């Protein structure tokens, strides 16, 4: 009999203990929810409005070019070497290469990829450092255009808020277009078009699949994977992107293998400023600098047309040089 009473008492005690525990959990969850709401409200109020992606092509820093009277290029000047290419002109495989490299769920999430964030948090905790951001392409656009690259939780919170606002306001294609045109890809190149010119002396629509994969792979670490500085790293990274394109259904296994078997064939950009008309081009540069300032020269993407003809100017230079040397000998 005492055994049954003890069991009944124990049962009653456990029952009330379970109810108390459930109540405590509910209270904790409610407190956490309230705190999260307050934190979100604070960051939502202090986060700047999202950038206007529709005007990106007109406000993005670009290259000022100086042309001779015959249309030949005399010089290019820029802080950020960029040529904005509309989304409609971006090759489909280039878009697929960037998605495979940076955010394969881009067209499926709402600006925040929670699985990627959790994976990044776990890597940060296990490494003891703030290394993995878990950012989607939309979050990267928010960071690059508005918030900067400071590695703090406050910046990450605002980045997520801006990303959600961008997704609510703009189509995916507009966000992806800004990303591909804005991101730094090494050797002074910002955006895929500038990178295509810098590494291959081509437009993006003339690149082959291997070259597109190489450029997309530079988004992670443009210095470490630069084909000009570390060609082995660049080829390894290119092959990783080709494998990802195969994994996500953008390439067949045979096509990916075919492009991985090809060597790197670079045709780096050659600066004409010091070779064609250096003295004349320098005078033009000084004139533009004095008239429009440093920002006008290096950011506004001016087209400067001059009257000089390199052929006749070259002939005049040779004649003066010949005559001067002849006079010196006399």
Protein backbone atom coordinates (compact mmCIF):
# COMPACT_ATOMS: atom_id res chain seq x y z
CA UNK A 1 0.00 0.00 0.00
CA UNK A 2 2.78 2.44 0.80
CA UNK A 3 4.35 1.65 -2.54
CA UNK A 4 1.14 2.67 -4.39
CA UNK A 5 0.81 5.91 -2.37
CA UNK A 6 4.42 6.80 -3.07
CA UNK A 7 3.89 6.15 -6.77
CA UNK A 8 0.75 8.30 -6.81
CA UNK A 9 2.53 11.07 -4.99
CA UNK A 10 5.51 10.80 -7.31
CA UNK A 11 3.15 10.91 -10.26
CA UNK A 12 1.46 14.04 -8.99
CA UNK A 13 4.80 15.70 -8.30
CA UNK A 14 6.13 14.86 -11.77
CA UNK A 15 2.91 16.10 -13.35
CA UNK A 16 3.17 19.50 -11.67
CA UNK A 17 6.91 19.62 -12.34
CA UNK A 18 6.23 19.04 -16.06
CA UNK A 19 3.59 21.78 -16.08
CA UNK A 20 5.96 24.15 -14.33
CA UNK A 21 8.72 23.35 -16.82
CA UNK A 22 6.36 23.89 -19.76
CA UNK A 23 5.27 27.22 -18.28
CA UNK A 24 8.91 28.26 -17.78
CA UNK A 25 9.73 27.36 -21.37
CA UNK A 26 6.73 29.33 -22.60
CA UNK A 27 7.81 32.34 -20.56
CA UNK A 28 11.38 32.12 -21.89
CA UNK A 29 10.14 31.83 -25.47
CA UNK A 30 7.84 34.79 -24.98
CA UNK A 31 10.69 36.87 -23.54
CA UNK A 32 12.97 35.85 -26.42
CA UNK A 33 10.25 36.72 -28.93
CA UNK A 34 9.73 40.12 -27.35
CA UNK A 35 13.49 40.77 -27.32
CA UNK A 36 13.83 39.72 -30.95
CA UNK A 37 10.93 42.00 -31.89
CA UNK A 38 12.53 44.92 -30.07
CA UNK A 39 15.93 44.22 -31.65
CA UNK A 40 14.37 43.95 -35.10
CA UNK A 41 12.44 47.17 -34.55
CA UNK A 42 15.62 48.96 -33.53
CA UNK A 43 17.59 47.80 -36.59
CA UNK A 44 14.63 48.36 -38.91
CA UNK A 45 14.38 52.00 -37.76
CA UNK A 46 18.14 52.62 -37.98
CA UNK A 47 18.72 50.87 -41.31
CA UNK A 48 18.97 53.24 -44.30
CA UNK A 49 16.51 52.78 -47.18
CA UNK A 50 17.56 50.37 -49.93
CA UNK A 51 19.52 51.77 -52.89
CA UNK A 52 17.74 52.59 -56.13
CA UNK A 53 18.82 49.82 -58.49
CA UNK A 54 17.00 51.34 -61.47
CA UNK A 55 19.53 54.20 -61.68
CA UNK A 56 22.58 52.05 -61.11
CA UNK A 57 23.95 52.41 -64.65
CA UNK A 58 23.88 56.21 -64.42
CA UNK A 59 25.46 56.57 -60.96
CA UNK A 60 28.00 53.72 -60.91
CA UNK A 61 31.64 54.87 -61.28
CA UNK A 62 32.92 54.11 -64.76
CA UNK A 63 35.84 54.75 -67.14
CA UNK A 64 36.69 58.05 -68.84
CA UNK A 65 38.07 57.46 -72.34
CA UNK A 66 40.04 59.80 -74.59
CA UNK A 67 39.80 59.27 -78.36
CA UNK A 68 41.84 60.59 -81.28
CA UNK A 69 40.34 62.24 -84.35
CA UNK A 70 40.32 58.89 -86.19
CA UNK A 71 38.44 57.19 -83.36
CA UNK A 72 41.42 55.31 -81.92
CA UNK A 73 41.79 55.12 -78.14
CA UNK A 74 44.42 57.36 -76.53
CA UNK A 75 43.84 56.72 -72.84
CA UNK A 76 41.52 55.41 -70.13
CA UNK A 77 41.19 56.79 -66.61
CA UNK A 78 39.21 55.40 -63.67
CA UNK A 79 39.26 54.57 -59.98
CA UNK A 80 37.02 51.58 -60.68
CA UNK A 81 37.28 49.99 -64.11
CA UNK A 82 33.66 49.19 -64.88
CA UNK A 83 31.37 48.93 -67.91
CA UNK A 84 27.73 48.34 -67.06
CA UNK A 85 26.11 45.70 -69.28
CA UNK A 86 22.28 45.38 -69.21
CA UNK A 87 20.95 42.07 -67.93
CA UNK A 88 19.53 41.25 -71.37
CA UNK A 89 23.05 41.33 -72.86
CA UNK A 90 24.67 39.17 -70.19
CA UNK A 91 25.28 35.63 -71.52
CA UNK A 92 23.08 33.00 -69.91
CA UNK A 93 26.06 30.79 -69.02
CA UNK A 94 27.80 33.72 -67.32
CA UNK A 95 24.74 34.29 -65.14
CA UNK A 96 24.60 30.56 -64.35
CA UNK A 97 28.32 30.56 -63.49
CA UNK A 98 27.87 33.39 -60.95
CA UNK A 99 24.80 31.72 -59.43
CA UNK A 100 26.68 28.42 -59.14
CA UNK A 101 29.67 30.13 -57.56
CA UNK A 102 27.90 32.41 -55.08
CA UNK A 103 24.24 31.54 -54.49
CA UNK A 104 22.74 28.49 -56.20
CA UNK A 105 19.38 29.08 -54.48
CA UNK A 106 19.18 32.71 -55.67
CA UNK A 107 15.93 32.37 -57.63
CA UNK A 108 14.25 30.39 -54.83
CA UNK A 109 14.88 32.37 -51.63
CA UNK A 110 13.54 35.73 -50.52
CA UNK A 111 16.90 37.42 -50.05
CA UNK A 112 18.06 35.40 -47.03
CA UNK A 113 19.22 31.78 -47.21
CA UNK A 114 18.74 30.53 -43.64
CA UNK A 115 20.43 27.18 -44.24
CA UNK A 116 23.54 28.99 -45.45
CA UNK A 117 23.47 31.33 -42.46
CA UNK A 118 23.29 28.43 -40.00
CA UNK A 119 26.14 26.68 -41.79
CA UNK A 120 28.22 29.86 -41.68
CA UNK A 121 27.48 30.40 -37.97
CA UNK A 122 28.60 26.85 -37.22
CA UNK A 123 31.86 27.37 -39.12
CA UNK A 124 32.47 30.64 -37.28
CA UNK A 125 31.87 28.98 -33.92
CA UNK A 126 34.11 26.01 -34.66
CA UNK A 127 36.91 28.17 -36.06
CA UNK A 128 36.68 30.83 -33.35
CA UNK A 129 36.77 33.59 -35.98
CA UNK A 130 34.27 35.60 -38.01
CA UNK A 131 35.08 34.03 -41.38
CA UNK A 132 31.89 32.79 -43.05
CA UNK A 133 29.18 35.33 -43.85
CA UNK A 134 26.53 33.05 -45.35
CA UNK A 135 25.45 35.98 -47.53
CA UNK A 136 23.19 35.61 -50.53
CA UNK A 137 23.76 37.62 -53.71
CA UNK A 138 21.05 40.03 -52.53
CA UNK A 139 22.81 40.52 -49.20
CA UNK A 140 26.09 41.14 -51.02
CA UNK A 141 24.42 43.84 -53.14
CA UNK A 142 23.11 45.45 -49.93
CA UNK A 143 26.58 45.33 -48.39
CA UNK A 144 28.45 46.65 -51.43
CA UNK A 145 26.08 49.50 -52.31
CA UNK A 146 25.00 50.67 -48.88
CA UNK A 147 26.47 49.14 -45.74
CA UNK A 148 30.18 48.52 -46.27
CA UNK A 149 32.17 45.44 -45.30
CA UNK A 150 32.57 45.86 -41.53
CA UNK A 151 32.42 42.43 -39.88
CA UNK A 152 29.91 42.99 -37.07
CA UNK A 153 26.61 41.40 -36.12
CA UNK A 154 24.91 44.82 -36.36
CA UNK A 155 25.99 45.17 -39.98
CA UNK A 156 24.81 41.62 -40.74
CA UNK A 157 21.40 42.39 -39.21
CA UNK A 158 21.00 45.52 -41.32
CA UNK A 159 22.26 43.61 -44.36
CA UNK A 160 19.47 41.07 -43.95
CA UNK A 161 16.84 43.82 -43.57
CA UNK A 162 18.03 45.66 -46.69
CA UNK A 163 18.12 42.37 -48.60
CA UNK A 164 14.50 41.65 -47.76
CA UNK A 165 13.52 45.18 -48.80
CA UNK A 166 15.39 44.83 -52.10
CA UNK A 167 13.64 41.54 -52.82
CA UNK A 168 10.25 43.13 -52.11
CA UNK A 169 10.93 46.09 -54.42
CA UNK A 170 12.90 44.73 -57.39
CA UNK A 171 12.82 41.68 -59.68
CA UNK A 172 15.54 39.08 -59.22
CA UNK A 173 17.06 40.01 -62.58
CA UNK A 174 17.64 43.63 -61.51
CA UNK A 175 19.43 42.52 -58.34
CA UNK A 176 21.56 40.00 -60.20
CA UNK A 177 22.44 42.55 -62.89
CA UNK A 178 23.75 45.02 -60.30
CA UNK A 179 25.74 42.28 -58.59
CA UNK A 180 27.45 41.09 -61.78
CA UNK A 181 28.24 44.66 -62.84
CA UNK A 182 29.42 45.89 -59.45
CA UNK A 183 31.49 43.18 -57.78
CA UNK A 184 35.29 43.53 -57.61
CA UNK A 185 37.03 40.83 -59.67
CA UNK A 186 40.70 41.74 -59.31
CA UNK A 187 43.29 43.73 -61.32
CA UNK A 188 41.24 46.89 -60.93
CA UNK A 189 38.22 45.32 -62.65
CA UNK A 190 34.74 45.89 -61.22
CA UNK A 191 32.05 43.81 -62.86
CA UNK A 192 32.19 41.01 -65.39
CA UNK A 193 32.64 43.21 -68.48
CA UNK A 194 35.70 44.95 -67.06
CA UNK A 195 37.12 41.58 -65.99
CA UNK A 196 36.57 40.17 -69.49
CA UNK A 197 38.51 43.11 -70.92
CA UNK A 198 41.25 42.92 -68.29
CA UNK A 199 41.97 39.19 -68.54
CA UNK A 200 40.88 38.23 -72.06
CA UNK A 201 40.56 41.50 -74.05
CA UNK A 202 36.99 40.47 -74.92
CA UNK A 203 33.42 41.53 -74.29
CA UNK A 204 31.41 39.27 -71.99
CA UNK A 205 29.28 38.00 -74.89
CA UNK A 206 32.44 36.73 -76.62
CA UNK A 207 33.71 34.68 -73.66
CA UNK A 208 33.65 30.90 -73.75
CA UNK A 209 32.24 28.82 -70.88
CA UNK A 210 35.65 28.23 -69.29
CA UNK A 211 36.41 31.95 -69.26
CA UNK A 212 33.00 32.71 -67.77
CA UNK A 213 33.61 30.17 -65.00
CA UNK A 214 37.03 31.70 -64.27
CA UNK A 215 35.59 35.20 -63.96
CA UNK A 216 32.72 34.03 -61.75
CA UNK A 217 35.18 32.18 -59.53
CA UNK A 218 37.09 35.40 -58.83
CA UNK A 219 34.20 36.77 -56.76
CA UNK A 220 35.32 34.75 -53.73
CA UNK A 221 38.95 35.89 -53.61
CA UNK A 222 40.09 38.01 -56.56
CA UNK A 223 43.65 38.39 -55.29
CA UNK A 224 44.32 34.79 -54.27
CA UNK A 225 42.73 33.34 -57.43
CA UNK A 226 43.97 35.94 -59.91
CA UNK A 227 44.96 34.31 -63.23
CA UNK A 228 47.67 36.97 -63.67
CA UNK A 229 49.29 36.36 -60.27
CA UNK A 230 48.34 32.77 -59.37
CA UNK A 231 47.35 30.88 -62.55
CA UNK A 232 47.31 27.51 -60.77
CA UNK A 233 44.83 28.81 -58.19
CA UNK A 234 42.77 30.40 -60.95
CA UNK A 235 42.55 27.17 -62.91
CA UNK A 236 41.64 25.18 -59.79
CA UNK A 237 38.91 27.68 -58.93
CA UNK A 238 37.63 27.65 -62.52
CA UNK A 239 37.32 23.87 -62.37
CA UNK A 240 35.41 24.13 -59.07
CA UNK A 241 32.87 26.45 -60.71
CA UNK A 242 32.52 24.12 -63.71
CA UNK A 243 31.86 21.25 -61.28
CA UNK A 244 29.20 23.33 -59.53
CA UNK A 245 27.58 24.22 -62.83
CA UNK A 246 27.38 20.50 -63.56
CA UNK A 247 26.01 19.76 -60.07
CA UNK A 248 23.23 22.32 -60.42
CA UNK A 249 22.25 21.22 -63.91
CA UNK A 250 23.76 23.99 -66.02
CA UNK A 251 26.35 21.76 -67.73
CA UNK A 252 26.53 18.11 -68.64
CA UNK A 253 29.31 16.00 -67.17
CA UNK A 254 30.97 15.70 -70.59
CA UNK A 255 30.85 19.45 -71.25
CA UNK A 256 32.28 20.29 -67.83
CA UNK A 257 35.09 17.78 -68.35
CA UNK A 258 35.82 19.26 -71.79
CA UNK A 259 36.25 22.78 -70.42
CA UNK A 260 38.30 21.60 -67.42
CA UNK A 261 40.76 19.97 -69.81
CA UNK A 262 41.51 23.28 -71.54
CA UNK A 263 44.50 25.38 -70.42
CA UNK A 264 44.22 29.00 -69.37
CA UNK A 265 44.63 31.30 -72.37
CA UNK A 266 44.93 34.87 -71.17
CA UNK A 267 45.15 38.03 -73.25
CA UNK A 268 45.69 40.72 -70.62
CA UNK A 269 44.67 44.32 -71.14
CA UNK A 270 47.36 46.59 -72.57
CA UNK A 271 47.31 50.24 -71.54
CA UNK A 272 47.59 52.46 -74.64
CA UNK A 273 48.13 55.65 -72.64
CA UNK A 274 51.92 55.38 -72.68
CA UNK A 275 52.29 54.02 -76.21
CA UNK A 276 50.10 55.90 -78.70
CA UNK A 277 50.17 59.65 -77.92
CA UNK A 278 51.50 59.88 -74.36
CA UNK A 279 52.36 63.60 -74.30
CA UNK A 280 49.16 64.75 -75.97
CA UNK A 281 47.02 62.35 -73.90
CA UNK A 282 48.65 63.63 -70.72
CA UNK A 283 47.79 67.21 -71.64
CA UNK A 284 44.18 66.18 -72.23
CA UNK A 285 44.15 64.38 -68.87
CA UNK A 286 45.38 67.55 -67.12
CA UNK A 287 42.76 69.66 -68.91
CA UNK A 288 39.90 67.33 -67.87
CA UNK A 289 41.25 67.20 -64.31
CA UNK A 290 41.35 71.01 -64.10
CA UNK A 291 37.89 71.48 -65.64
CA UNK A 292 35.89 68.65 -64.01
CA UNK A 293 37.98 67.67 -60.99
CA UNK A 294 39.25 64.27 -59.90
CA UNK A 295 35.77 62.75 -59.60
CA UNK A 296 34.86 63.93 -63.09
CA UNK A 297 38.00 62.38 -64.56
CA UNK A 298 38.07 59.15 -62.57
CA UNK A 299 34.38 58.34 -61.94
CA UNK A 300 31.99 60.00 -64.42
CA UNK A 301 32.82 57.87 -67.45
CA UNK A 302 33.37 60.82 -69.80
CA UNK A 303 33.89 60.36 -73.53
CA UNK A 304 36.55 62.84 -74.65
CA UNK A 305 37.04 63.33 -78.40
CA UNK A 306 40.13 65.17 -79.68
CA UNK A 307 41.39 66.32 -83.08
CA UNK A 308 44.84 64.73 -83.04
CA UNK A 309 45.60 62.17 -85.76
CA UNK A 310 48.15 59.63 -84.53
CA UNK A 311 49.40 58.84 -88.06
CA UNK A 312 50.21 62.43 -89.06
CA UNK A 313 51.42 63.23 -85.55
CA UNK A 314 53.75 60.24 -85.74
CA UNK A 315 55.11 61.41 -89.07
CA UNK A 316 55.67 64.89 -87.66
CA UNK A 317 57.47 63.41 -84.65
CA UNK A 318 59.77 61.36 -86.89
CA UNK A 319 60.57 64.41 -89.02
CA UNK A 320 61.36 66.58 -86.02
CA UNK A 321 63.47 63.82 -84.51
CA UNK A 322 65.36 63.29 -87.77
CA UNK A 323 65.94 66.99 -88.34
CA UNK A 324 67.06 67.59 -84.76
CA UNK A 325 69.58 64.76 -84.90
CA UNK A 326 70.84 65.97 -88.29
CA UNK A 327 71.29 69.51 -86.96
CA UNK A 328 73.07 68.15 -83.88
CA UNK A 329 75.58 66.26 -86.07
CA UNK A 330 76.35 69.44 -88.06
